[in-house]
């Protein structure tokens, strides 16, 4: 799916959440969508699960 189509689908999902679930549902859908976008962008950029493991193994600095 191309970017404009994906943006349209996300906008429709936010619209339905806002209409049927209220403002809190709208914010929840937006936050989950942003999280999904960030994870997808990271994976497309060559991110690996071992990168996350390395971050947690380092511990506090």
C-alpha atoms as a PDB file:
ATOM      1  CA  UNK A   1       0.000   0.000   0.000  1.00  0.00           C
ATOM      2  CA  UNK A   2       1.353   3.415  -0.945  1.00  0.00           C
ATOM      3  CA  UNK A   3       1.752   6.258   1.525  1.00  0.00           C
ATOM      4  CA  UNK A   4      -1.382   8.238   0.516  1.00  0.00           C
ATOM      5  CA  UNK A   5      -3.562   5.139   0.842  1.00  0.00           C
ATOM      6  CA  UNK A   6      -2.035   4.303   4.192  1.00  0.00           C
ATOM      7  CA  UNK A   7      -2.586   7.866   5.387  1.00  0.00           C
ATOM      8  CA  UNK A   8      -6.203   7.709   4.263  1.00  0.00           C
ATOM      9  CA  UNK A   9      -6.747   4.438   6.138  1.00  0.00           C
ATOM     10  CA  UNK A  10      -5.150   5.870   9.276  1.00  0.00           C
ATOM     11  CA  UNK A  11      -7.295   9.000   9.037  1.00  0.00           C
ATOM     12  CA  UNK A  12     -10.449   6.929   8.652  1.00  0.00           C
ATOM     13  CA  UNK A  13      -9.489   4.772  11.649  1.00  0.00           C
ATOM     14  CA  UNK A  14      -8.924   7.889  13.756  1.00  0.00           C
ATOM     15  CA  UNK A  15     -12.228   9.339  12.570  1.00  0.00           C
ATOM     16  CA  UNK A  16     -14.171   6.213  13.494  1.00  0.00           C
ATOM     17  CA  UNK A  17     -12.431   6.009  16.872  1.00  0.00           C
ATOM     18  CA  UNK A  18     -13.230   9.638  17.595  1.00  0.00           C
ATOM     19  CA  UNK A  19     -16.838   9.333  16.476  1.00  0.00           C
ATOM     20  CA  UNK A  20     -17.721   6.057  18.182  1.00  0.00           C
ATOM     21  CA  UNK A  21     -15.336   5.985  21.143  1.00  0.00           C
ATOM     22  CA  UNK A  22     -14.802   9.610  22.043  1.00  0.00           C
ATOM     23  CA  UNK A  23     -11.668  11.624  22.525  1.00  0.00           C
ATOM     24  CA  UNK A  24      -9.838   9.066  24.689  1.00  0.00           C
ATOM     25  CA  UNK A  25     -10.297   6.367  22.047  1.00  0.00           C
ATOM     26  CA  UNK A  26      -9.035   8.799  19.416  1.00  0.00           C
ATOM     27  CA  UNK A  27      -5.876   9.419  21.440  1.00  0.00           C
ATOM     28  CA  UNK A  28      -5.374   5.695  22.049  1.00  0.00           C
ATOM     29  CA  UNK A  29      -5.685   4.856  18.350  1.00  0.00           C
ATOM     30  CA  UNK A  30      -3.321   7.708  17.454  1.00  0.00           C
ATOM     31  CA  UNK A  31      -0.721   6.564  20.012  1.00  0.00           C
ATOM     32  CA  UNK A  32      -0.880   2.939  18.874  1.00  0.00           C
ATOM     33  CA  UNK A  33      -0.679   4.025  15.250  1.00  0.00           C
ATOM     34  CA  UNK A  34       2.395   6.146  15.956  1.00  0.00           C
ATOM     35  CA  UNK A  35       4.016   3.232  17.777  1.00  0.00           C
ATOM     36  CA  UNK A  36       3.289   0.911  14.861  1.00  0.00           C
ATOM     37  CA  UNK A  37       4.682   3.469  12.414  1.00  0.00           C
ATOM     38  CA  UNK A  38       7.879   3.846  14.447  1.00  0.00           C
ATOM     39  CA  UNK A  39       8.403   0.073  14.685  1.00  0.00           C
ATOM     40  CA  UNK A  40       7.744  -0.356  10.963  1.00  0.00           C
ATOM     41  CA  UNK A  41      10.145   2.463  10.111  1.00  0.00           C
ATOM     42  CA  UNK A  42      12.807   0.916  12.352  1.00  0.00           C
ATOM     43  CA  UNK A  43      12.376  -2.537  10.776  1.00  0.00           C
ATOM     44  CA  UNK A  44      12.496  -1.096   7.238  1.00  0.00           C
ATOM     45  CA  UNK A  45      15.735   0.662   8.156  1.00  0.00           C
ATOM     46  CA  UNK A  46      17.424  -2.624   9.011  1.00  0.00           C
ATOM     47  CA  UNK A  47      16.614  -2.812  12.707  1.00  0.00           C
ATOM     48  CA  UNK A  48      17.112  -6.157  14.409  1.00  0.00           C
ATOM     49  CA  UNK A  49      15.748  -7.667  17.614  1.00  0.00           C
ATOM     50  CA  UNK A  50      19.306  -8.060  18.872  1.00  0.00           C
ATOM     51  CA  UNK A  51      19.619  -4.249  18.839  1.00  0.00           C
ATOM     52  CA  UNK A  52      16.875  -4.046  21.464  1.00  0.00           C
ATOM     53  CA  UNK A  53      18.450  -6.804  23.525  1.00  0.00           C
ATOM     54  CA  UNK A  54      21.777  -4.964  23.518  1.00  0.00           C
ATOM     55  CA  UNK A  55      20.118  -1.798  24.819  1.00  0.00           C
ATOM     56  CA  UNK A  56      18.620  -3.633  27.805  1.00  0.00           C
ATOM     57  CA  UNK A  57      21.788  -5.623  28.552  1.00  0.00           C
ATOM     58  CA  UNK A  58      23.902  -2.468  28.899  1.00  0.00           C
ATOM     59  CA  UNK A  59      21.920  -1.397  31.955  1.00  0.00           C
ATOM     60  CA  UNK A  60      21.918   2.089  33.459  1.00  0.00           C
ATOM     61  CA  UNK A  61      24.775   4.389  32.594  1.00  0.00           C
END
